[in-house]
Amino acid sequence: MENSTDNYNWKGKTILIVEDEHSNFFLAETFLLRGSATIVRAKNGEEAVDYVKKNIPVDIILMDIKMPDMNGYDATRIIKKKRPNLPIIALTAFALDGDREKSLLAGCDDYMAKPIDQDKLLELVDANI
């Protein structure tokens, strides 16, 4: 039986992972590299905003919500003003009632609670890239 993770081909696509925790970044990167995308990292919301403001090509953003300097909600709002059609998926370890709605209201296109489920992450990225 073919592994579902072998069905993704994002060659030529760039995924920006905005994550302050190295272990969380490494896990998401490991899952996503199976789709042959280019993976780049921002360690906080400010770095993500700067990345987008510099018009560096990016096809999708995975946005941690709770980060130092600038949280994911604020970064998403700023990024969406510049690039309203850039897909942003919120990732949060604080999956409380209302978090999904808060993420969507901030401009995120989708939402995923941590710990990251590999199959769900790949499906979300594939649906939005």
N, C-alpha and C. Protein backbone atom coordinates (compact mmCIF):
# COMPACT_ATOMS: atom_id res chain seq x y z
N MET A 1 0.85 -1.19 0.00
CA MET A 1 0.00 0.00 0.00
C MET A 1 0.88 1.24 0.00
N GLU A 2 0.58 2.17 -0.87
CA GLU A 2 1.37 3.39 -0.99
C GLU A 2 1.09 4.32 0.17
N ASN A 3 2.12 4.90 0.73
CA ASN A 3 1.98 5.83 1.84
C ASN A 3 1.37 7.13 1.32
N SER A 4 0.40 7.66 2.04
CA SER A 4 -0.28 8.88 1.60
C SER A 4 0.68 10.05 1.49
N THR A 5 1.78 10.04 2.24
CA THR A 5 2.71 11.16 2.19
C THR A 5 3.52 11.19 0.90
N ASP A 6 3.43 10.14 0.10
CA ASP A 6 4.17 10.12 -1.15
C ASP A 6 3.39 10.75 -2.31
N ASN A 7 2.18 11.20 -2.07
CA ASN A 7 1.32 11.69 -3.13
C ASN A 7 1.40 13.19 -3.35
N TYR A 8 2.27 13.89 -2.66
CA TYR A 8 2.31 15.34 -2.75
C TYR A 8 3.52 15.79 -3.57
N ASN A 9 3.28 16.73 -4.47
CA ASN A 9 4.36 17.27 -5.28
C ASN A 9 4.23 18.79 -5.33
N TRP A 10 5.00 19.44 -4.51
CA TRP A 10 4.99 20.91 -4.45
C TRP A 10 6.31 21.47 -4.95
N LYS A 11 6.96 20.75 -5.85
CA LYS A 11 8.24 21.22 -6.40
C LYS A 11 8.03 22.59 -7.02
N GLY A 12 8.92 23.51 -6.72
CA GLY A 12 8.80 24.87 -7.22
C GLY A 12 7.98 25.77 -6.32
N LYS A 13 7.40 25.23 -5.26
CA LYS A 13 6.61 26.01 -4.30
C LYS A 13 7.45 26.31 -3.07
N THR A 14 7.17 27.43 -2.42
CA THR A 14 7.87 27.81 -1.20
C THR A 14 6.88 27.90 -0.06
N ILE A 15 7.22 27.23 1.04
CA ILE A 15 6.40 27.24 2.25
C ILE A 15 7.18 27.98 3.33
N LEU A 16 6.57 29.02 3.89
CA LEU A 16 7.16 29.76 5.00
C LEU A 16 6.55 29.24 6.29
N ILE A 17 7.40 28.68 7.15
CA ILE A 17 6.95 28.22 8.46
C ILE A 17 7.36 29.27 9.48
N VAL A 18 6.38 29.85 10.16
CA VAL A 18 6.63 30.86 11.17
C VAL A 18 6.48 30.17 12.53
N GLU A 19 7.61 29.91 13.15
CA GLU A 19 7.62 29.10 14.37
C GLU A 19 8.83 29.47 15.22
N ASP A 20 8.60 29.82 16.48
CA ASP A 20 9.71 30.19 17.36
C ASP A 20 10.39 28.99 17.99
N GLU A 21 9.71 27.88 18.13
CA GLU A 21 10.29 26.68 18.74
C GLU A 21 10.95 25.81 17.67
N HIS A 22 12.25 25.56 17.83
CA HIS A 22 12.99 24.80 16.81
C HIS A 22 12.40 23.40 16.60
N SER A 23 12.04 22.72 17.68
CA SER A 23 11.53 21.35 17.54
C SER A 23 10.23 21.32 16.74
N ASN A 24 9.37 22.30 16.93
CA ASN A 24 8.12 22.37 16.16
C ASN A 24 8.40 22.67 14.69
N PHE A 25 9.36 23.59 14.44
CA PHE A 25 9.74 23.88 13.06
C PHE A 25 10.31 22.63 12.39
N PHE A 26 11.23 21.96 13.08
CA PHE A 26 11.88 20.78 12.52
C PHE A 26 10.86 19.69 12.17
N LEU A 27 9.88 19.49 13.04
CA LEU A 27 8.85 18.48 12.78
C LEU A 27 8.04 18.83 11.54
N ALA A 28 7.55 20.07 11.46
CA ALA A 28 6.76 20.49 10.30
C ALA A 28 7.60 20.42 9.03
N GLU A 29 8.85 20.87 9.11
CA GLU A 29 9.74 20.83 7.95
C GLU A 29 9.93 19.38 7.47
N THR A 30 10.16 18.47 8.41
CA THR A 30 10.36 17.07 8.07
C THR A 30 9.15 16.51 7.32
N PHE A 31 7.95 16.81 7.80
CA PHE A 31 6.74 16.34 7.13
C PHE A 31 6.62 16.95 5.73
N LEU A 32 6.87 18.25 5.62
CA LEU A 32 6.62 18.96 4.37
C LEU A 32 7.67 18.72 3.30
N LEU A 33 8.87 18.38 3.69
CA LEU A 33 9.92 18.11 2.69
C LEU A 33 9.56 16.94 1.79
N ARG A 34 8.68 16.09 2.24
CA ARG A 34 8.25 14.95 1.43
C ARG A 34 7.52 15.39 0.16
N GLY A 35 7.04 16.63 0.17
CA GLY A 35 6.37 17.16 -1.02
C GLY A 35 7.30 17.93 -1.93
N SER A 36 8.60 17.94 -1.62
CA SER A 36 9.64 18.58 -2.44
C SER A 36 9.51 20.09 -2.55
N ALA A 37 8.87 20.74 -1.59
CA ALA A 37 8.78 22.20 -1.59
C ALA A 37 10.05 22.78 -0.98
N THR A 38 10.28 24.04 -1.24
CA THR A 38 11.34 24.78 -0.56
C THR A 38 10.75 25.26 0.76
N ILE A 39 11.45 25.00 1.86
CA ILE A 39 10.97 25.38 3.18
C ILE A 39 11.85 26.50 3.72
N VAL A 40 11.22 27.58 4.17
CA VAL A 40 11.95 28.66 4.81
C VAL A 40 11.31 28.93 6.17
N ARG A 41 12.08 29.57 7.06
CA ARG A 41 11.60 29.78 8.42
C ARG A 41 11.69 31.24 8.83
N ALA A 42 10.68 31.68 9.54
CA ALA A 42 10.71 32.92 10.29
C ALA A 42 10.49 32.54 11.74
N LYS A 43 11.24 33.14 12.66
CA LYS A 43 11.17 32.76 14.07
C LYS A 43 10.13 33.53 14.87
N ASN A 44 9.50 34.54 14.24
CA ASN A 44 8.43 35.28 14.91
C ASN A 44 7.62 36.04 13.86
N GLY A 45 6.57 36.67 14.32
CA GLY A 45 5.68 37.38 13.41
C GLY A 45 6.36 38.52 12.67
N GLU A 46 7.25 39.23 13.35
CA GLU A 46 7.95 40.34 12.70
C GLU A 46 8.79 39.85 11.53
N GLU A 47 9.50 38.74 11.71
CA GLU A 47 10.29 38.19 10.61
C GLU A 47 9.41 37.77 9.45
N ALA A 48 8.25 37.21 9.75
CA ALA A 48 7.32 36.80 8.69
C ALA A 48 6.82 38.01 7.91
N VAL A 49 6.45 39.06 8.62
CA VAL A 49 5.98 40.29 7.96
C VAL A 49 7.09 40.86 7.08
N ASP A 50 8.31 40.93 7.61
CA ASP A 50 9.44 41.44 6.83
C ASP A 50 9.67 40.61 5.58
N TYR A 51 9.58 39.31 5.70
CA TYR A 51 9.77 38.40 4.58
C TYR A 51 8.78 38.73 3.46
N VAL A 52 7.52 38.89 3.83
CA VAL A 52 6.49 39.18 2.83
C VAL A 52 6.64 40.59 2.27
N LYS A 53 6.98 41.55 3.11
CA LYS A 53 7.16 42.94 2.65
C LYS A 53 8.29 43.07 1.64
N LYS A 54 9.28 42.18 1.73
CA LYS A 54 10.41 42.20 0.78
C LYS A 54 10.04 41.55 -0.55
N ASN A 55 8.79 41.11 -0.67
CA ASN A 55 8.30 40.48 -1.90
C ASN A 55 9.08 39.23 -2.29
N ILE A 56 9.58 38.52 -1.28
CA ILE A 56 10.23 37.24 -1.54
C ILE A 56 9.11 36.23 -1.84
N PRO A 57 9.23 35.48 -2.93
CA PRO A 57 8.13 34.57 -3.29
C PRO A 57 7.86 33.52 -2.20
N VAL A 58 6.61 33.42 -1.84
CA VAL A 58 6.14 32.40 -0.91
C VAL A 58 4.73 32.00 -1.35
N ASP A 59 4.44 30.71 -1.29
CA ASP A 59 3.15 30.21 -1.78
C ASP A 59 2.15 29.93 -0.68
N ILE A 60 2.65 29.71 0.54
CA ILE A 60 1.77 29.43 1.67
C ILE A 60 2.56 29.68 2.96
N ILE A 61 1.84 30.09 4.01
CA ILE A 61 2.47 30.31 5.31
C ILE A 61 1.80 29.42 6.34
N LEU A 62 2.63 28.76 7.14
CA LEU A 62 2.16 28.06 8.33
C LEU A 62 2.52 28.95 9.51
N MET A 63 1.52 29.48 10.20
CA MET A 63 1.72 30.54 11.18
C MET A 63 1.44 30.05 12.60
N ASP A 64 2.50 29.98 13.40
CA ASP A 64 2.32 29.75 14.83
C ASP A 64 1.59 30.97 15.38
N ILE A 65 0.75 30.77 16.37
CA ILE A 65 -0.01 31.88 16.92
C ILE A 65 0.70 32.54 18.09
N LYS A 66 1.19 31.76 19.02
CA LYS A 66 1.83 32.34 20.20
C LYS A 66 3.34 32.38 20.01
N MET A 67 3.85 33.62 19.79
CA MET A 67 5.29 33.82 19.56
C MET A 67 5.72 35.12 20.23
N PRO A 68 7.03 35.25 20.48
CA PRO A 68 7.54 36.51 21.03
C PRO A 68 7.53 37.61 19.96
N ASP A 69 7.61 38.83 20.40
CA ASP A 69 7.72 40.03 19.55
C ASP A 69 6.42 40.38 18.84
N MET A 70 5.90 39.49 18.02
CA MET A 70 4.62 39.73 17.33
C MET A 70 3.92 38.39 17.19
N ASN A 71 2.68 38.31 17.69
CA ASN A 71 1.97 37.03 17.62
C ASN A 71 1.44 36.77 16.20
N GLY A 72 0.97 35.56 16.01
CA GLY A 72 0.50 35.15 14.70
C GLY A 72 -0.74 35.87 14.21
N TYR A 73 -1.61 36.27 15.14
CA TYR A 73 -2.81 37.02 14.73
C TYR A 73 -2.41 38.35 14.10
N ASP A 74 -1.53 39.09 14.79
CA ASP A 74 -1.12 40.40 14.28
C ASP A 74 -0.34 40.27 12.98
N ALA A 75 0.56 39.30 12.92
CA ALA A 75 1.34 39.09 11.70
C ALA A 75 0.42 38.75 10.53
N THR A 76 -0.57 37.91 10.78
CA THR A 76 -1.51 37.53 9.72
C THR A 76 -2.26 38.75 9.20
N ARG A 77 -2.75 39.58 10.10
CA ARG A 77 -3.49 40.78 9.68
C ARG A 77 -2.64 41.67 8.77
N ILE A 78 -1.39 41.88 9.14
CA ILE A 78 -0.49 42.73 8.35
C ILE A 78 -0.18 42.08 7.00
N ILE A 79 0.13 40.81 7.01
CA ILE A 79 0.46 40.10 5.77
C ILE A 79 -0.73 40.09 4.81
N LYS A 80 -1.92 39.87 5.34
CA LYS A 80 -3.12 39.81 4.48
C LYS A 80 -3.43 41.17 3.84
N LYS A 81 -3.03 42.27 4.49
CA LYS A 81 -3.21 43.59 3.87
C LYS A 81 -2.33 43.72 2.63
N LYS A 82 -1.13 43.16 2.69
CA LYS A 82 -0.21 43.24 1.56
C LYS A 82 -0.50 42.17 0.51
N ARG A 83 -0.78 40.95 0.97
CA ARG A 83 -1.03 39.83 0.06
C ARG A 83 -2.30 39.10 0.48
N PRO A 84 -3.47 39.66 0.15
CA PRO A 84 -4.73 39.08 0.63
C PRO A 84 -5.00 37.66 0.15
N ASN A 85 -4.40 37.25 -0.96
CA ASN A 85 -4.65 35.90 -1.48
C ASN A 85 -3.61 34.87 -1.06
N LEU A 86 -2.64 35.27 -0.24
CA LEU A 86 -1.62 34.34 0.24
C LEU A 86 -2.23 33.45 1.32
N PRO A 87 -2.28 32.15 1.11
CA PRO A 87 -2.88 31.26 2.11
C PRO A 87 -2.04 31.21 3.39
N ILE A 88 -2.73 31.33 4.52
CA ILE A 88 -2.09 31.23 5.82
C ILE A 88 -2.85 30.22 6.66
N ILE A 89 -2.14 29.23 7.18
CA ILE A 89 -2.73 28.22 8.06
C ILE A 89 -2.20 28.46 9.47
N ALA A 90 -3.10 28.68 10.40
CA ALA A 90 -2.71 28.89 11.80
C ALA A 90 -2.36 27.55 12.44
N LEU A 91 -1.27 27.57 13.21
CA LEU A 91 -0.88 26.40 14.00
C LEU A 91 -0.77 26.85 15.44
N THR A 92 -1.48 26.17 16.33
CA THR A 92 -1.40 26.58 17.72
C THR A 92 -1.46 25.41 18.68
N ALA A 93 -0.70 25.52 19.75
CA ALA A 93 -0.72 24.51 20.80
C ALA A 93 -1.83 24.80 21.79
N PHE A 94 -2.41 25.95 21.69
CA PHE A 94 -3.44 26.36 22.64
C PHE A 94 -4.80 26.24 21.99
N ALA A 95 -5.23 25.01 21.80
CA ALA A 95 -6.48 24.73 21.08
C ALA A 95 -7.67 24.85 22.02
N LEU A 96 -8.02 26.07 22.30
CA LEU A 96 -9.16 26.33 23.17
C LEU A 96 -10.38 26.67 22.33
N ASP A 97 -11.57 26.56 22.95
CA ASP A 97 -12.77 26.97 22.25
C ASP A 97 -12.61 28.41 21.79
N GLY A 98 -12.91 28.66 20.55
CA GLY A 98 -12.83 30.00 20.00
C GLY A 98 -11.53 30.30 19.28
N ASP A 99 -10.50 29.48 19.45
CA ASP A 99 -9.22 29.75 18.79
C ASP A 99 -9.34 29.66 17.27
N ARG A 100 -10.08 28.68 16.79
CA ARG A 100 -10.26 28.56 15.35
C ARG A 100 -10.93 29.82 14.80
N GLU A 101 -11.97 30.27 15.48
CA GLU A 101 -12.69 31.47 15.04
C GLU A 101 -11.78 32.70 15.09
N LYS A 102 -10.99 32.83 16.16
CA LYS A 102 -10.07 33.97 16.27
C LYS A 102 -9.05 33.95 15.14
N SER A 103 -8.57 32.76 14.80
CA SER A 103 -7.60 32.64 13.71
C SER A 103 -8.22 33.04 12.37
N LEU A 104 -9.42 32.58 12.13
CA LEU A 104 -10.10 32.90 10.87
C LEU A 104 -10.44 34.39 10.80
N LEU A 105 -10.85 34.97 11.92
CA LEU A 105 -11.14 36.41 11.96
C LEU A 105 -9.89 37.25 11.71
N ALA A 106 -8.73 36.75 12.13
CA ALA A 106 -7.48 37.47 11.90
C ALA A 106 -7.06 37.39 10.43
N GLY A 107 -7.67 36.48 9.67
CA GLY A 107 -7.37 36.36 8.25
C GLY A 107 -6.79 35.03 7.83
N CYS A 108 -6.59 34.13 8.78
CA CYS A 108 -6.06 32.81 8.42
C CYS A 108 -7.09 32.07 7.56
N ASP A 109 -6.58 31.28 6.63
CA ASP A 109 -7.45 30.53 5.74
C ASP A 109 -7.87 29.19 6.32
N ASP A 110 -7.06 28.69 7.26
CA ASP A 110 -7.38 27.43 7.91
C ASP A 110 -6.67 27.39 9.25
N TYR A 111 -6.90 26.32 9.99
CA TYR A 111 -6.44 26.23 11.37
C TYR A 111 -6.11 24.78 11.70
N MET A 112 -5.03 24.60 12.45
CA MET A 112 -4.66 23.26 12.90
C MET A 112 -4.08 23.35 14.30
N ALA A 113 -4.57 22.48 15.18
CA ALA A 113 -4.04 22.43 16.55
C ALA A 113 -2.81 21.55 16.59
N LYS A 114 -1.88 21.91 17.47
CA LYS A 114 -0.72 21.07 17.74
C LYS A 114 -1.09 20.09 18.83
N PRO A 115 -0.48 18.94 18.93
CA PRO A 115 0.64 18.50 18.12
C PRO A 115 0.24 18.27 16.67
N ILE A 116 1.18 18.49 15.78
CA ILE A 116 0.91 18.40 14.35
C ILE A 116 0.65 16.96 13.94
N ASP A 117 -0.47 16.77 13.27
CA ASP A 117 -0.80 15.48 12.67
C ASP A 117 -0.29 15.51 11.23
N GLN A 118 0.63 14.62 10.90
CA GLN A 118 1.28 14.65 9.59
C GLN A 118 0.28 14.61 8.44
N ASP A 119 -0.63 13.66 8.44
CA ASP A 119 -1.57 13.54 7.32
C ASP A 119 -2.45 14.77 7.19
N LYS A 120 -2.93 15.29 8.32
CA LYS A 120 -3.78 16.48 8.27
C LYS A 120 -3.00 17.69 7.76
N LEU A 121 -1.76 17.84 8.22
CA LEU A 121 -0.93 18.96 7.76
C LEU A 121 -0.73 18.89 6.25
N LEU A 122 -0.35 17.73 5.76
CA LEU A 122 -0.12 17.58 4.33
C LEU A 122 -1.40 17.86 3.52
N GLU A 123 -2.53 17.39 4.02
CA GLU A 123 -3.80 17.65 3.34
C GLU A 123 -4.14 19.13 3.32
N LEU A 124 -3.95 19.82 4.47
CA LEU A 124 -4.23 21.26 4.54
C LEU A 124 -3.35 22.05 3.58
N VAL A 125 -2.06 21.74 3.59
CA VAL A 125 -1.15 22.45 2.69
C VAL A 125 -1.53 22.17 1.25
N ASP A 126 -1.79 20.93 0.91
CA ASP A 126 -2.14 20.57 -0.46
C ASP A 126 -3.41 21.28 -0.92
N ALA A 127 -4.37 21.41 -0.04
CA ALA A 127 -5.63 22.07 -0.39
C ALA A 127 -5.48 23.58 -0.56
N ASN A 128 -4.44 24.15 0.05
CA ASN A 128 -4.30 25.60 0.04
C ASN A 128 -3.14 26.14 -0.80
N ILE A 129 -2.25 25.26 -1.26
CA ILE A 129 -1.06 25.73 -1.97
C ILE A 129 -1.35 26.01 -3.43
